[in-house]
Protein backbone atom coordinates (compact mmCIF):
# COMPACT_ATOMS: atom_id res chain seq x y z
CA MET A 1 44.06 61.50 73.26
CA PHE A 2 42.23 62.34 70.01
CA LEU A 3 42.10 58.66 69.09
CA ALA A 4 40.87 57.68 72.55
CA ALA A 5 38.15 60.34 72.43
CA GLY A 6 37.14 59.56 68.86
CA GLY A 7 37.46 63.29 68.12
CA PHE A 8 38.12 66.35 70.27
CA PRO A 9 38.84 65.52 73.90
CA SER A 10 38.16 68.05 76.61
CA TRP A 11 40.61 70.94 76.13
CA SER A 12 40.98 71.34 79.87
CA ARG A 13 41.84 67.63 80.11
CA VAL A 14 44.36 68.02 77.28
CA SER A 15 45.93 71.07 78.92
CA TRP A 16 46.31 69.44 82.34
CA THR A 17 47.66 66.25 80.79
CA LEU A 18 50.22 68.16 78.73
CA LEU A 19 51.27 70.15 81.79
CA GLY A 20 51.62 67.04 83.93
CA GLY A 21 53.45 65.18 81.19
CA THR A 22 55.85 68.06 80.56
CA LEU A 23 56.66 68.31 84.26
CA ALA A 24 57.23 64.54 84.41
CA ALA A 25 59.61 64.62 81.46
CA GLY A 26 61.39 67.60 82.97
CA GLY A 27 61.76 65.96 86.36
CA ALA A 28 63.06 62.70 84.89
CA ASN A 29 65.58 64.48 82.69
CA VAL A 30 66.83 66.71 85.50
CA LEU A 31 67.47 63.65 87.67
CA ASN A 32 69.12 61.95 84.70
CA CYS A 33 71.44 64.94 84.31
CA TYR A 34 72.44 64.65 87.97
CA LEU A 35 73.15 60.92 87.77
CA ASP A 36 75.03 61.24 84.48
CA ARG A 37 76.97 64.41 85.33
CA ASP A 38 80.28 62.52 85.42
CA ILE A 39 79.94 60.96 81.98
CA ASP A 40 78.21 64.02 80.51
CA ALA A 41 81.40 66.00 81.27
CA LEU A 42 83.39 63.54 79.13
CA MET A 43 81.21 63.79 76.02
CA GLN A 44 81.27 66.71 73.62
CA ARG A 45 77.52 66.49 73.03
CA THR A 46 76.66 66.86 76.72
CA ALA A 47 79.69 68.59 78.25
CA HIS A 48 77.91 71.95 78.47
CA ARG A 49 74.95 70.74 80.51
CA PRO A 50 74.73 72.83 83.71
CA SER A 51 75.00 69.75 85.93
CA ALA A 52 78.14 68.60 84.09
CA THR A 53 79.85 71.99 84.28
CA GLY A 54 78.92 72.56 87.91
CA GLN A 55 76.86 75.63 87.06
CA ILE A 56 74.09 74.03 89.14
CA SER A 57 75.09 72.11 92.26
CA GLY A 58 74.22 68.45 92.61
CA ARG A 59 72.02 69.18 95.63
CA ASN A 60 69.98 71.80 93.78
CA THR A 61 69.70 69.57 90.72
CA VAL A 62 68.25 66.73 92.79
CA ILE A 63 65.84 69.04 94.63
CA PHE A 64 64.65 70.57 91.35
CA GLY A 65 64.16 67.16 89.74
CA ILE A 66 62.23 65.77 92.69
CA ILE A 67 60.00 68.85 92.91
CA LEU A 68 59.16 68.69 89.20
CA SER A 69 58.41 64.97 89.46
CA LEU A 70 56.18 65.35 92.52
CA ILE A 71 54.27 68.28 91.02
CA SER A 72 53.74 66.32 87.81
CA VAL A 73 52.23 63.31 89.60
CA LEU A 74 50.09 65.52 91.86
CA THR A 75 48.90 67.59 88.89
CA LEU A 76 47.74 64.50 87.01
CA ALA A 77 46.18 62.94 90.11
CA LEU A 78 44.20 66.05 91.06
CA THR A 79 43.18 67.27 87.59
CA VAL A 80 43.12 64.18 85.35
CA ASN A 81 42.89 60.79 87.11
CA TYR A 82 44.86 58.47 89.33
CA LEU A 83 45.75 56.03 86.55
CA SER A 84 47.48 58.73 84.50
CA ALA A 85 49.31 59.91 87.62
CA PHE A 86 50.44 56.36 88.40
CA LEU A 87 51.68 55.84 84.84
CA ALA A 88 53.63 59.13 85.01
CA PHE A 89 55.23 57.97 88.26
CA ILE A 90 56.18 54.65 86.63
CA ALA A 91 57.66 56.50 83.63
CA ILE A 92 59.81 58.75 85.83
CA ALA A 93 60.97 55.87 88.02
CA PHE A 94 61.75 53.59 85.09
CA TYR A 95 63.71 56.28 83.24
CA VAL A 96 65.74 57.30 86.28
CA ILE A 97 66.23 53.91 87.92
CA GLY A 98 65.69 51.39 85.14
CA TYR A 99 67.48 53.18 82.32
CA THR A 100 69.93 55.63 83.88
CA LEU A 101 71.02 53.65 86.94
CA LEU A 102 70.66 50.00 85.90
CA LEU A 103 70.89 49.74 82.12
CA LYS A 104 72.78 52.63 80.55
CA ARG A 105 76.26 51.76 81.79
CA ARG A 106 75.86 47.98 81.80
CA THR A 107 74.47 46.72 78.49
CA SER A 108 74.43 47.59 74.80
CA GLN A 109 70.70 46.90 74.89
CA ASN A 110 70.24 49.87 77.23
CA ILE A 111 68.26 51.98 74.78
CA VAL A 112 66.02 49.06 73.79
CA TRP A 113 64.61 48.36 77.25
CA GLY A 114 65.28 51.79 78.72
CA GLY A 115 63.38 53.31 75.83
CA ALA A 116 60.18 51.88 77.31
CA ALA A 117 60.03 54.99 79.52
CA GLY A 118 59.63 57.09 76.39
CA CYS A 119 56.63 54.98 75.37
CA MET A 120 54.64 55.85 78.47
CA PRO A 121 53.14 59.17 77.23
CA VAL A 122 50.78 57.33 74.87
CA LEU A 123 49.45 55.28 77.79
CA ILE A 124 49.13 58.41 79.90
CA GLY A 125 47.28 60.24 77.12
CA TRP A 126 44.87 57.36 76.51
CA SER A 127 44.13 56.82 80.19
CA ALA A 128 43.62 60.56 80.66
CA VAL A 129 40.66 60.38 78.29
CA THR A 130 39.21 56.96 79.08
CA GLY A 131 40.36 56.27 82.63
CA SER A 132 41.50 52.84 81.47
CA LEU A 133 43.78 51.03 79.01
CA SER A 134 43.02 48.73 76.08
CA TRP A 135 44.78 47.09 73.14
CA ALA A 136 44.93 50.30 71.08
CA PRO A 137 47.25 52.18 73.48
CA VAL A 138 49.33 49.02 73.85
CA ILE A 139 49.88 49.08 70.07
CA LEU A 140 50.79 52.78 70.29
CA PHE A 141 53.24 51.89 73.07
CA LEU A 142 54.82 49.22 70.86
CA ILE A 143 55.14 51.62 67.92
CA VAL A 144 57.29 53.94 70.02
CA PHE A 145 59.11 50.98 71.62
CA PHE A 146 60.24 49.53 68.28
CA TRP A 147 60.90 53.03 66.89
CA THR A 148 63.36 53.94 69.65
CA PRO A 149 66.36 51.77 68.60
CA PRO A 150 66.38 52.81 64.90
CA HIS A 151 65.89 56.38 66.10
CA TYR A 152 68.68 56.42 68.68
CA TRP A 153 71.32 54.08 67.26
CA PRO A 154 72.07 56.40 64.31
CA LEU A 155 72.74 59.16 66.86
CA ALA A 156 74.96 56.75 68.79
CA LEU A 157 76.80 55.97 65.53
CA ARG A 158 77.45 59.67 65.03
CA TYR A 159 78.73 60.12 68.58
CA LYS A 160 80.32 56.69 68.99
CA ASP A 161 83.65 58.15 70.09
CA ASP A 162 81.92 60.23 72.75
CA TYR A 163 80.20 57.20 74.22
CA ALA A 164 83.40 55.16 74.05
CA ALA A 165 85.33 57.89 75.88
CA ALA A 166 82.70 57.90 78.62
CA GLY A 167 82.63 54.10 78.85
CA ILE A 168 78.99 53.80 77.80
CA PRO A 169 78.36 50.47 76.03
CA MET A 170 76.05 51.75 73.32
CA LEU A 171 75.58 49.21 70.54
CA PRO A 172 77.77 51.15 68.04
CA VAL A 173 80.58 51.12 70.63
CA GLU A 174 80.30 47.39 71.24
CA GLN A 175 79.56 46.22 67.68
CA ALA A 176 80.69 46.97 64.14
CA PRO A 177 78.59 49.39 62.03
CA ALA A 178 77.37 46.44 59.92
CA VAL A 179 75.83 44.83 63.01
CA VAL A 180 74.24 48.12 64.07
CA ALA A 181 72.78 48.69 60.60
CA ARG A 182 71.35 45.17 60.56
CA GLN A 183 69.72 45.65 63.97
CA ILE A 184 68.27 48.98 62.81
CA ILE A 185 66.65 47.20 59.86
CA TYR A 186 65.17 44.49 62.08
CA TYR A 187 63.60 47.01 64.43
CA SER A 188 62.41 49.17 61.53
CA TRP A 189 60.50 46.28 59.98
CA ALA A 190 58.99 45.39 63.36
CA MET A 191 57.95 49.02 63.91
CA VAL A 192 56.26 49.29 60.52
CA GLY A 193 54.49 45.98 61.10
CA ILE A 194 53.13 47.26 64.41
CA THR A 195 51.88 50.47 62.79
CA LEU A 196 49.89 48.35 60.34
CA LEU A 197 48.50 46.26 63.19
CA LEU A 198 46.87 49.40 64.59
CA ILE A 199 44.57 49.55 61.53
CA PRO A 200 42.35 46.58 62.51
CA ILE A 201 42.86 47.00 66.27
CA ALA A 202 41.65 50.63 66.36
CA ASP A 203 39.51 50.54 63.19
CA MET A 204 41.64 53.21 61.51
CA ASN A 205 40.57 54.97 58.31
CA TRP A 206 42.39 55.64 55.05
CA VAL A 207 44.44 58.65 56.24
CA TYR A 208 46.29 56.68 58.86
CA SER A 209 46.43 53.51 56.73
CA ALA A 210 48.01 55.35 53.80
CA SER A 211 50.38 57.24 56.10
CA ALA A 212 51.53 54.04 57.82
CA VAL A 213 52.32 52.40 54.46
CA ILE A 214 53.96 55.39 52.75
CA PHE A 215 55.97 56.74 55.69
CA GLY A 216 56.86 53.22 56.76
CA ALA A 217 58.23 52.47 53.30
CA LEU A 218 60.33 55.64 53.45
CA PHE A 219 61.66 54.66 56.87
CA ILE A 220 62.63 51.20 55.61
CA TYR A 221 64.32 52.82 52.60
CA GLU A 222 66.42 55.07 54.84
CA ALA A 223 67.37 52.12 57.03
CA TYR A 224 68.59 50.14 54.02
CA ALA A 225 70.34 53.23 52.65
CA LEU A 226 72.34 53.42 55.87
CA ARG A 227 73.28 49.77 55.56
CA ALA A 228 74.36 50.35 51.95
CA ARG A 229 76.70 53.15 53.06
CA VAL A 230 78.09 50.87 55.77
CA ARG A 231 78.74 48.07 53.27
CA LYS A 232 80.55 50.45 50.93
CA GLU A 233 82.65 51.60 53.89
CA HIS A 234 81.94 55.27 53.34
CA ASP A 235 84.00 57.60 55.49
CA ASP A 236 80.79 59.43 56.34
CA LEU A 237 77.94 57.04 57.04
CA LYS A 238 75.54 59.99 57.36
CA PRO A 239 73.63 58.32 60.20
CA MET A 240 71.96 61.59 61.12
CA LYS A 241 69.85 61.35 57.94
CA LEU A 242 67.98 58.44 59.50
CA PHE A 243 68.00 60.09 62.94
CA HIS A 244 66.33 63.27 61.67
CA TRP A 245 63.91 61.35 59.46
CA SER A 246 62.91 59.16 62.39
CA ILE A 247 61.73 62.25 64.30
CA THR A 248 59.75 63.45 61.28
CA TYR A 249 58.36 59.95 60.77
CA LEU A 250 56.98 59.59 64.28
CA SER A 251 55.51 63.09 64.15
CA LEU A 252 53.71 62.33 60.89
CA ILE A 253 52.45 58.95 62.10
CA PHE A 254 50.94 60.45 65.24
CA LEU A 255 49.56 63.39 63.29
CA ALA A 256 47.74 60.87 61.11
CA ILE A 257 46.51 59.07 64.24
CA GLY A 258 45.14 62.38 65.53
CA ILE A 259 43.39 63.23 62.26
CA ASP A 260 41.95 59.78 61.59
CA PRO A 261 39.11 59.82 64.18
CA PHE A 262 37.50 62.84 62.48
CA LEU A 263 36.87 60.81 59.32
CA ASN A 264 34.36 58.47 60.97
């Protein structure tokens, strides 16, 4: 939103967009918890979710998720604009139907294509300010899209046995760690390349440019470090090092994106 506005956007617009976006994420995740309650109960990482334990009934979970989703779309439509509301609706629908129902239990590429739902907030934020879309938010979308696999596959490596027990074909369940590490490297390089593409597309200044190069190099280093541990057949691959760094990386990249417009 800061990049789209070229500085400070309207704080009321920011507040309503954040509220609508938070409600959308909440609604999508509640519905996801309902649909995945059977497999969540089989995995240590998710076994304590209220929908998996039965603490909240399936009926109430669905009602809560639908209410949150409807309020989110209405909030954005009435206080921001119709395009942002439509994009939020698409994000919810794609996460619940595209990822949870159609992809998650059927293909090891689930997180690649299903992760597109997690890219939608940048489009929502841009359209909230401008009322339209352009190449810059598409590049932001692609940054998050290519970031998602090297972010999530290390977590899936850590909890591979959980996913296997639940019958979820995550890539680390279907393929050897060497294959997973190689795929992580491919996506990491693509992600860093896309971050650099934003520089000419959005006329970024030195803060973002330096951040994209430095943080991108660190990300690539961590990706290769994981592959090195895989090749040496370490008992502990320490995949969570890359997982935690990936969260920090994306935060720093978007912080730089938010700061950069004030240097013009």
